[in-house]
Amino acid sequence: MARLNKHLTKPHLAALKEKLHAEAERIRSNFTVKKAEYESATLAGAKDEVDAANDNILLAADMRFSNREALYYKKVLKSLAKVDSEQYGMCDDCGGEISFTRLLARPTSEMCIICKEESEREESQNYHDRRSKSLGREMTVSAPL
């Protein structure tokens, strides 16, 4: 298989791979901590209704953040698989090269900066049939009053 990401040197790839592994480890350790916090919170003694309601609100927010982290973790694993298959650093849209500086800033980038900007421009202009990029569900956009 010909090497697709010729613009990335071996030191570049090693640095990016190390960064992706560090991100994956950070997320795994955060999940372990959150799991322990959740288990200790559920084992805690009885609380009054206000404290219980407050805990539920905080738990719901925490779960939203955890879901976002889980989606990001999947992107990190996908990027690590791409590094190993030498497709890492290539734009999924145009097939061009993603610059090392962009990958250093966002190692899970799947598009070059030009394609990403175009994608965001199209997304912001399309008010009908908007879809969540991460969840794939239709998003509702309310009109101003």
N, C-alpha and C. Protein backbone atom coordinates (compact mmCIF):
# COMPACT_ATOMS: atom_id res chain seq x y z
N MET A 1 0.85 -1.18 0.00
CA MET A 1 0.00 0.00 0.00
C MET A 1 0.89 1.24 0.00
N ALA A 2 0.65 2.12 -0.93
CA ALA A 2 1.43 3.35 -1.00
C ALA A 2 1.07 4.24 0.19
N ARG A 3 2.07 4.91 0.69
CA ARG A 3 1.83 5.78 1.83
C ARG A 3 1.09 7.02 1.37
N LEU A 4 -0.09 7.23 1.92
CA LEU A 4 -0.94 8.35 1.51
C LEU A 4 -0.51 9.66 2.14
N ASN A 5 -0.12 9.59 3.40
CA ASN A 5 0.19 10.82 4.14
C ASN A 5 1.67 11.17 4.03
N LYS A 6 2.13 11.38 2.80
CA LYS A 6 3.54 11.66 2.56
C LYS A 6 4.00 12.97 3.17
N HIS A 7 3.09 13.88 3.42
CA HIS A 7 3.45 15.17 3.99
C HIS A 7 3.80 15.10 5.47
N LEU A 8 3.43 14.00 6.13
CA LEU A 8 3.73 13.84 7.55
C LEU A 8 4.97 12.96 7.70
N THR A 9 5.97 13.50 8.37
CA THR A 9 7.20 12.73 8.59
C THR A 9 6.98 11.73 9.73
N LYS A 10 7.90 10.83 9.89
CA LYS A 10 7.79 9.85 10.99
C LYS A 10 7.77 10.53 12.35
N PRO A 11 8.61 11.56 12.59
CA PRO A 11 8.50 12.27 13.88
C PRO A 11 7.14 12.95 14.06
N HIS A 12 6.58 13.51 12.97
CA HIS A 12 5.24 14.11 13.06
C HIS A 12 4.22 13.06 13.47
N LEU A 13 4.24 11.93 12.77
CA LEU A 13 3.28 10.86 13.07
C LEU A 13 3.45 10.35 14.49
N ALA A 14 4.70 10.21 14.93
CA ALA A 14 4.96 9.73 16.29
C ALA A 14 4.40 10.71 17.32
N ALA A 15 4.60 12.02 17.09
CA ALA A 15 4.09 13.03 18.03
C ALA A 15 2.57 13.03 18.05
N LEU A 16 1.95 12.92 16.89
CA LEU A 16 0.49 12.92 16.82
C LEU A 16 -0.09 11.64 17.44
N LYS A 17 0.56 10.53 17.19
CA LYS A 17 0.10 9.26 17.77
C LYS A 17 0.21 9.31 19.30
N GLU A 18 1.31 9.87 19.79
CA GLU A 18 1.49 10.01 21.23
C GLU A 18 0.40 10.91 21.82
N LYS A 19 0.07 11.99 21.11
CA LYS A 19 -0.98 12.89 21.58
C LYS A 19 -2.34 12.19 21.60
N LEU A 20 -2.63 11.39 20.58
CA LEU A 20 -3.89 10.64 20.54
C LEU A 20 -3.95 9.61 21.67
N HIS A 21 -2.84 8.92 21.91
CA HIS A 21 -2.82 7.94 23.02
C HIS A 21 -3.02 8.64 24.36
N ALA A 22 -2.42 9.82 24.53
CA ALA A 22 -2.58 10.57 25.78
C ALA A 22 -4.04 11.00 25.96
N GLU A 23 -4.69 11.43 24.87
CA GLU A 23 -6.11 11.80 24.94
C GLU A 23 -6.97 10.60 25.31
N ALA A 24 -6.69 9.45 24.70
CA ALA A 24 -7.45 8.24 25.00
C ALA A 24 -7.29 7.85 26.47
N GLU A 25 -6.08 7.94 26.97
CA GLU A 25 -5.82 7.59 28.38
C GLU A 25 -6.51 8.58 29.32
N ARG A 26 -6.49 9.88 28.96
CA ARG A 26 -7.16 10.89 29.78
C ARG A 26 -8.65 10.61 29.88
N ILE A 27 -9.26 10.27 28.75
CA ILE A 27 -10.70 10.00 28.74
C ILE A 27 -11.02 8.74 29.53
N ARG A 28 -10.21 7.69 29.36
CA ARG A 28 -10.43 6.45 30.13
C ARG A 28 -10.33 6.70 31.63
N SER A 29 -9.33 7.46 32.04
CA SER A 29 -9.19 7.72 33.48
C SER A 29 -10.33 8.59 34.00
N ASN A 30 -10.80 9.56 33.18
CA ASN A 30 -11.96 10.37 33.58
C ASN A 30 -13.20 9.51 33.75
N PHE A 31 -13.40 8.54 32.86
CA PHE A 31 -14.55 7.65 32.98
C PHE A 31 -14.45 6.82 34.25
N THR A 32 -13.27 6.38 34.60
CA THR A 32 -13.08 5.60 35.82
C THR A 32 -13.42 6.45 37.05
N VAL A 33 -12.96 7.69 37.06
CA VAL A 33 -13.23 8.59 38.17
C VAL A 33 -14.73 8.88 38.26
N LYS A 34 -15.34 9.18 37.11
CA LYS A 34 -16.78 9.48 37.10
C LYS A 34 -17.61 8.29 37.56
N LYS A 35 -17.20 7.10 37.15
CA LYS A 35 -17.92 5.91 37.57
C LYS A 35 -17.85 5.74 39.09
N ALA A 36 -16.67 5.95 39.65
CA ALA A 36 -16.50 5.84 41.10
C ALA A 36 -17.32 6.91 41.82
N GLU A 37 -17.34 8.14 41.27
CA GLU A 37 -18.13 9.22 41.88
C GLU A 37 -19.62 8.89 41.84
N TYR A 38 -20.07 8.35 40.71
CA TYR A 38 -21.48 8.01 40.58
C TYR A 38 -21.87 6.90 41.56
N GLU A 39 -21.02 5.88 41.66
CA GLU A 39 -21.31 4.78 42.57
C GLU A 39 -21.33 5.25 44.02
N SER A 40 -20.41 6.13 44.40
CA SER A 40 -20.40 6.62 45.78
C SER A 40 -21.60 7.54 46.04
N ALA A 41 -22.03 8.28 45.02
CA ALA A 41 -23.19 9.16 45.19
C ALA A 41 -24.46 8.36 45.36
N THR A 42 -24.59 7.23 44.66
CA THR A 42 -25.80 6.42 44.78
C THR A 42 -25.83 5.66 46.09
N LEU A 43 -24.65 5.42 46.68
CA LEU A 43 -24.59 4.73 47.96
C LEU A 43 -24.75 5.68 49.15
N ALA A 44 -24.71 6.98 48.88
CA ALA A 44 -24.82 7.96 49.97
C ALA A 44 -26.18 7.85 50.64
N GLY A 45 -26.23 8.36 51.84
CA GLY A 45 -27.46 8.28 52.64
C GLY A 45 -28.61 9.08 52.05
N ALA A 46 -29.74 9.01 52.73
CA ALA A 46 -30.95 9.70 52.29
C ALA A 46 -30.75 11.20 52.37
N LYS A 47 -31.35 11.90 51.41
CA LYS A 47 -31.25 13.35 51.34
C LYS A 47 -32.65 13.92 51.27
N ASP A 48 -32.74 15.21 51.54
CA ASP A 48 -34.06 15.82 51.38
C ASP A 48 -34.34 16.02 49.89
N GLU A 49 -35.55 16.41 49.56
CA GLU A 49 -35.98 16.51 48.16
C GLU A 49 -35.18 17.55 47.37
N VAL A 50 -34.84 18.65 47.99
CA VAL A 50 -34.10 19.71 47.30
C VAL A 50 -32.69 19.22 46.94
N ASP A 51 -32.02 18.58 47.88
CA ASP A 51 -30.69 18.05 47.61
C ASP A 51 -30.74 16.97 46.53
N ALA A 52 -31.75 16.12 46.60
CA ALA A 52 -31.89 15.06 45.60
C ALA A 52 -32.13 15.66 44.21
N ALA A 53 -32.97 16.68 44.13
CA ALA A 53 -33.25 17.34 42.85
C ALA A 53 -31.99 18.00 42.31
N ASN A 54 -31.24 18.67 43.18
CA ASN A 54 -29.99 19.30 42.77
C ASN A 54 -28.99 18.26 42.27
N ASP A 55 -28.90 17.15 42.97
CA ASP A 55 -28.00 16.07 42.54
C ASP A 55 -28.41 15.53 41.17
N ASN A 56 -29.71 15.42 40.94
CA ASN A 56 -30.19 14.94 39.64
C ASN A 56 -29.84 15.90 38.52
N ILE A 57 -29.95 17.19 38.77
CA ILE A 57 -29.59 18.19 37.77
C ILE A 57 -28.10 18.11 37.44
N LEU A 58 -27.29 18.02 38.48
CA LEU A 58 -25.85 17.91 38.28
C LEU A 58 -25.48 16.62 37.57
N LEU A 59 -26.16 15.54 37.90
CA LEU A 59 -25.90 14.25 37.26
C LEU A 59 -26.28 14.29 35.78
N ALA A 60 -27.40 14.93 35.46
CA ALA A 60 -27.81 15.04 34.05
C ALA A 60 -26.79 15.83 33.25
N ALA A 61 -26.29 16.92 33.80
CA ALA A 61 -25.26 17.71 33.11
C ALA A 61 -23.99 16.90 32.95
N ASP A 62 -23.62 16.20 33.99
CA ASP A 62 -22.41 15.37 33.96
C ASP A 62 -22.54 14.26 32.91
N MET A 63 -23.73 13.70 32.80
CA MET A 63 -23.95 12.65 31.81
C MET A 63 -23.85 13.20 30.39
N ARG A 64 -24.33 14.43 30.17
CA ARG A 64 -24.19 15.06 28.84
C ARG A 64 -22.72 15.22 28.49
N PHE A 65 -21.93 15.70 29.45
CA PHE A 65 -20.49 15.86 29.21
C PHE A 65 -19.83 14.50 28.97
N SER A 66 -20.26 13.49 29.71
CA SER A 66 -19.70 12.15 29.52
C SER A 66 -20.04 11.60 28.15
N ASN A 67 -21.26 11.87 27.68
CA ASN A 67 -21.64 11.43 26.33
C ASN A 67 -20.77 12.10 25.27
N ARG A 68 -20.51 13.37 25.45
CA ARG A 68 -19.62 14.08 24.52
C ARG A 68 -18.22 13.49 24.55
N GLU A 69 -17.74 13.18 25.73
CA GLU A 69 -16.42 12.56 25.87
C GLU A 69 -16.39 11.19 25.20
N ALA A 70 -17.49 10.44 25.32
CA ALA A 70 -17.55 9.12 24.69
C ALA A 70 -17.48 9.25 23.17
N LEU A 71 -18.18 10.23 22.61
CA LEU A 71 -18.12 10.46 21.16
C LEU A 71 -16.71 10.87 20.74
N TYR A 72 -16.08 11.72 21.54
CA TYR A 72 -14.72 12.15 21.24
C TYR A 72 -13.75 10.96 21.33
N TYR A 73 -13.98 10.10 22.31
CA TYR A 73 -13.14 8.91 22.48
C TYR A 73 -13.21 8.03 21.23
N LYS A 74 -14.40 7.89 20.67
CA LYS A 74 -14.55 7.12 19.43
C LYS A 74 -13.77 7.75 18.30
N LYS A 75 -13.78 9.08 18.23
CA LYS A 75 -13.00 9.78 17.20
C LYS A 75 -11.50 9.55 17.40
N VAL A 76 -11.07 9.56 18.64
CA VAL A 76 -9.65 9.32 18.94
C VAL A 76 -9.25 7.92 18.49
N LEU A 77 -10.08 6.92 18.81
CA LEU A 77 -9.77 5.55 18.40
C LEU A 77 -9.77 5.42 16.88
N LYS A 78 -10.71 6.09 16.22
CA LYS A 78 -10.76 6.07 14.75
C LYS A 78 -9.50 6.69 14.17
N SER A 79 -9.05 7.79 14.76
CA SER A 79 -7.83 8.45 14.29
C SER A 79 -6.61 7.58 14.51
N LEU A 80 -6.55 6.89 15.64
CA LEU A 80 -5.43 5.98 15.90
C LEU A 80 -5.41 4.84 14.87
N ALA A 81 -6.57 4.33 14.51
CA ALA A 81 -6.63 3.29 13.48
C ALA A 81 -6.16 3.83 12.13
N LYS A 82 -6.50 5.09 11.85
CA LYS A 82 -6.06 5.70 10.60
C LYS A 82 -4.54 5.89 10.57
N VAL A 83 -3.94 6.23 11.70
CA VAL A 83 -2.49 6.39 11.76
C VAL A 83 -1.83 5.07 11.38
N ASP A 84 -2.36 3.99 11.91
CA ASP A 84 -1.79 2.68 11.62
C ASP A 84 -2.02 2.24 10.18
N SER A 85 -3.10 2.74 9.55
CA SER A 85 -3.36 2.35 8.17
C SER A 85 -2.82 3.39 7.18
N GLU A 86 -2.12 4.38 7.67
CA GLU A 86 -1.49 5.43 6.88
C GLU A 86 -2.48 6.30 6.12
N GLN A 87 -3.73 6.34 6.53
CA GLN A 87 -4.71 7.25 5.94
C GLN A 87 -4.86 8.50 6.78
N TYR A 88 -4.19 8.54 7.89
CA TYR A 88 -4.26 9.68 8.80
C TYR A 88 -3.64 10.90 8.14
N GLY A 89 -4.29 12.04 8.30
CA GLY A 89 -3.76 13.28 7.75
C GLY A 89 -4.27 13.59 6.36
N MET A 90 -5.20 12.78 5.87
CA MET A 90 -5.79 13.02 4.56
C MET A 90 -7.25 13.44 4.75
N CYS A 91 -7.67 14.45 4.01
CA CYS A 91 -9.03 14.99 4.12
C CYS A 91 -10.03 13.97 3.58
N ASP A 92 -11.06 13.69 4.39
CA ASP A 92 -12.11 12.76 3.97
C ASP A 92 -12.97 13.34 2.85
N ASP A 93 -12.97 14.66 2.72
CA ASP A 93 -13.83 15.31 1.73
C ASP A 93 -13.14 15.43 0.36
N CYS A 94 -11.98 16.07 0.34
CA CYS A 94 -11.31 16.33 -0.95
C CYS A 94 -10.13 15.41 -1.22
N GLY A 95 -9.68 14.68 -0.21
CA GLY A 95 -8.53 13.79 -0.38
C GLY A 95 -7.19 14.48 -0.27
N GLY A 96 -7.22 15.79 0.01
CA GLY A 96 -5.98 16.55 0.16
C GLY A 96 -5.34 16.33 1.52
N GLU A 97 -4.22 16.97 1.69
CA GLU A 97 -3.46 16.82 2.93
C GLU A 97 -4.00 17.75 4.02
N ILE A 98 -4.06 17.24 5.24
CA ILE A 98 -4.38 18.05 6.41
C ILE A 98 -3.04 18.46 7.01
N SER A 99 -2.85 19.74 7.23
CA SER A 99 -1.55 20.22 7.69
C SER A 99 -1.21 19.68 9.08
N PHE A 100 0.09 19.56 9.32
CA PHE A 100 0.57 19.09 10.62
C PHE A 100 0.11 20.02 11.73
N THR A 101 0.13 21.33 11.49
CA THR A 101 -0.28 22.28 12.54
C THR A 101 -1.75 22.10 12.89
N ARG A 102 -2.59 21.82 11.89
CA ARG A 102 -4.01 21.56 12.18
C ARG A 102 -4.16 20.28 12.98
N LEU A 103 -3.44 19.25 12.58
CA LEU A 103 -3.53 17.98 13.30
C LEU A 103 -2.97 18.10 14.72
N LEU A 104 -1.97 18.92 14.89
CA LEU A 104 -1.42 19.14 16.22
C LEU A 104 -2.45 19.83 17.12
N ALA A 105 -3.19 20.78 16.54
CA ALA A 105 -4.22 21.49 17.31
C ALA A 105 -5.44 20.61 17.55
N ARG A 106 -5.80 19.82 16.56
CA ARG A 106 -6.97 18.94 16.65
C ARG A 106 -6.61 17.61 15.99
N PRO A 107 -6.05 16.69 16.76
CA PRO A 107 -5.55 15.44 16.18
C PRO A 107 -6.62 14.52 15.60
N THR A 108 -7.89 14.80 15.88
CA THR A 108 -8.96 13.97 15.31
C THR A 108 -9.55 14.58 14.04
N SER A 109 -8.90 15.60 13.49
CA SER A 109 -9.41 16.26 12.28
C SER A 109 -9.53 15.27 11.13
N GLU A 110 -10.67 15.33 10.47
CA GLU A 110 -10.92 14.47 9.31
C GLU A 110 -11.01 15.26 8.02
N MET A 111 -10.98 16.60 8.15
CA MET A 111 -11.07 17.46 6.98
C MET A 111 -9.97 18.51 7.04
N CYS A 112 -9.50 18.90 5.86
CA CYS A 112 -8.56 20.02 5.80
C CYS A 112 -9.32 21.29 6.19
N ILE A 113 -8.60 22.33 6.47
CA ILE A 113 -9.23 23.55 6.97
C ILE A 113 -10.19 24.15 5.95
N ILE A 114 -9.86 24.07 4.67
CA ILE A 114 -10.72 24.65 3.64
C ILE A 114 -12.05 23.90 3.57
N CYS A 115 -12.00 22.57 3.56
CA CYS A 115 -13.24 21.77 3.51
C CYS A 115 -14.05 21.93 4.77
N LYS A 116 -13.40 22.03 5.92
CA LYS A 116 -14.11 22.20 7.19
C LYS A 116 -14.82 23.56 7.23
N GLU A 117 -14.14 24.60 6.78
CA GLU A 117 -14.77 25.92 6.75
C GLU A 117 -15.97 25.92 5.81
N GLU A 118 -15.84 25.26 4.66
CA GLU A 118 -16.95 25.17 3.71
C GLU A 118 -18.11 24.39 4.32
N SER A 119 -17.81 23.30 4.99
CA SER A 119 -18.83 22.49 5.64
C SER A 119 -19.59 23.30 6.70
N GLU A 120 -18.85 24.05 7.50
CA GLU A 120 -19.49 24.87 8.53
C GLU A 120 -20.32 25.99 7.93
N ARG A 121 -19.84 26.56 6.83
CA ARG A 121 -20.59 27.62 6.15
C ARG A 121 -21.91 27.07 5.61
N GLU A 122 -21.86 25.90 4.98
CA GLU A 122 -23.07 25.27 4.46
C GLU A 122 -24.03 24.92 5.59
N GLU A 123 -23.48 24.41 6.68
CA GLU A 123 -24.31 24.03 7.82
C GLU A 123 -25.01 25.24 8.43
N SER A 124 -24.30 26.35 8.53
CA SER A 124 -24.90 27.54 9.14
C SER A 124 -25.94 28.18 8.22
N GLN A 125 -25.85 27.95 6.92
CA GLN A 125 -26.80 28.53 5.98
C GLN A 125 -28.02 27.66 5.76
N ASN A 126 -27.96 26.40 6.11
CA ASN A 126 -29.05 25.47 5.89
C ASN A 126 -29.89 25.36 7.16
N TYR A 127 -31.01 26.07 7.20
CA TYR A 127 -31.86 26.05 8.40
C TYR A 127 -32.84 24.89 8.39
N HIS A 128 -33.06 24.30 7.24
CA HIS A 128 -33.98 23.19 7.13
C HIS A 128 -33.18 21.89 7.06
N ASP A 129 -33.70 20.87 7.67
CA ASP A 129 -33.07 19.54 7.67
C ASP A 129 -31.67 19.56 8.27
N ARG A 130 -31.46 20.40 9.29
CA ARG A 130 -30.16 20.39 9.97
C ARG A 130 -30.03 19.11 10.76
N ARG A 131 -28.85 18.57 10.76
CA ARG A 131 -28.59 17.34 11.49
C ARG A 131 -27.41 17.55 12.43
N SER A 132 -27.51 16.91 13.57
CA SER A 132 -26.41 16.93 14.51
C SER A 132 -25.28 16.12 13.92
N LYS A 133 -24.10 16.72 13.83
CA LYS A 133 -22.95 16.02 13.25
C LYS A 133 -22.57 14.80 14.09
N SER A 134 -22.68 14.92 15.40
CA SER A 134 -22.24 13.83 16.25
C SER A 134 -23.31 12.76 16.45
N LEU A 135 -24.58 13.15 16.48
CA LEU A 135 -25.64 12.18 16.76
C LEU A 135 -26.40 11.77 15.51
N GLY A 136 -26.31 12.55 14.42
CA GLY A 136 -26.99 12.21 13.19
C GLY A 136 -28.48 12.44 13.21
N ARG A 137 -28.98 13.11 14.25
CA ARG A 137 -30.42 13.37 14.36
C ARG A 137 -30.75 14.75 13.84
N GLU A 138 -32.00 14.90 13.43
CA GLU A 138 -32.47 16.19 12.95
C GLU A 138 -32.52 17.18 14.11
N MET A 139 -32.11 18.40 13.85
CA MET A 139 -32.13 19.43 14.87
C MET A 139 -33.24 20.41 14.54
N THR A 140 -33.93 20.88 15.57
CA THR A 140 -34.97 21.87 15.34
C THR A 140 -34.39 23.26 15.57
N VAL A 141 -34.74 24.15 14.68
CA VAL A 141 -34.29 25.52 14.79
C VAL A 141 -35.52 26.38 14.91
N SER A 142 -35.66 27.09 16.02
CA SER A 142 -36.84 27.92 16.22
C SER A 142 -36.61 29.29 15.63
N ALA A 143 -37.65 29.83 15.06
CA ALA A 143 -37.58 31.17 14.47
C ALA A 143 -37.63 32.20 15.56
N PRO A 144 -36.97 33.36 15.37
CA PRO A 144 -37.02 34.41 16.39
C PRO A 144 -38.45 34.95 16.53
N LEU A 145 -38.79 35.33 17.74
CA LEU A 145 -40.14 35.84 18.03
C LEU A 145 -40.34 37.24 17.55
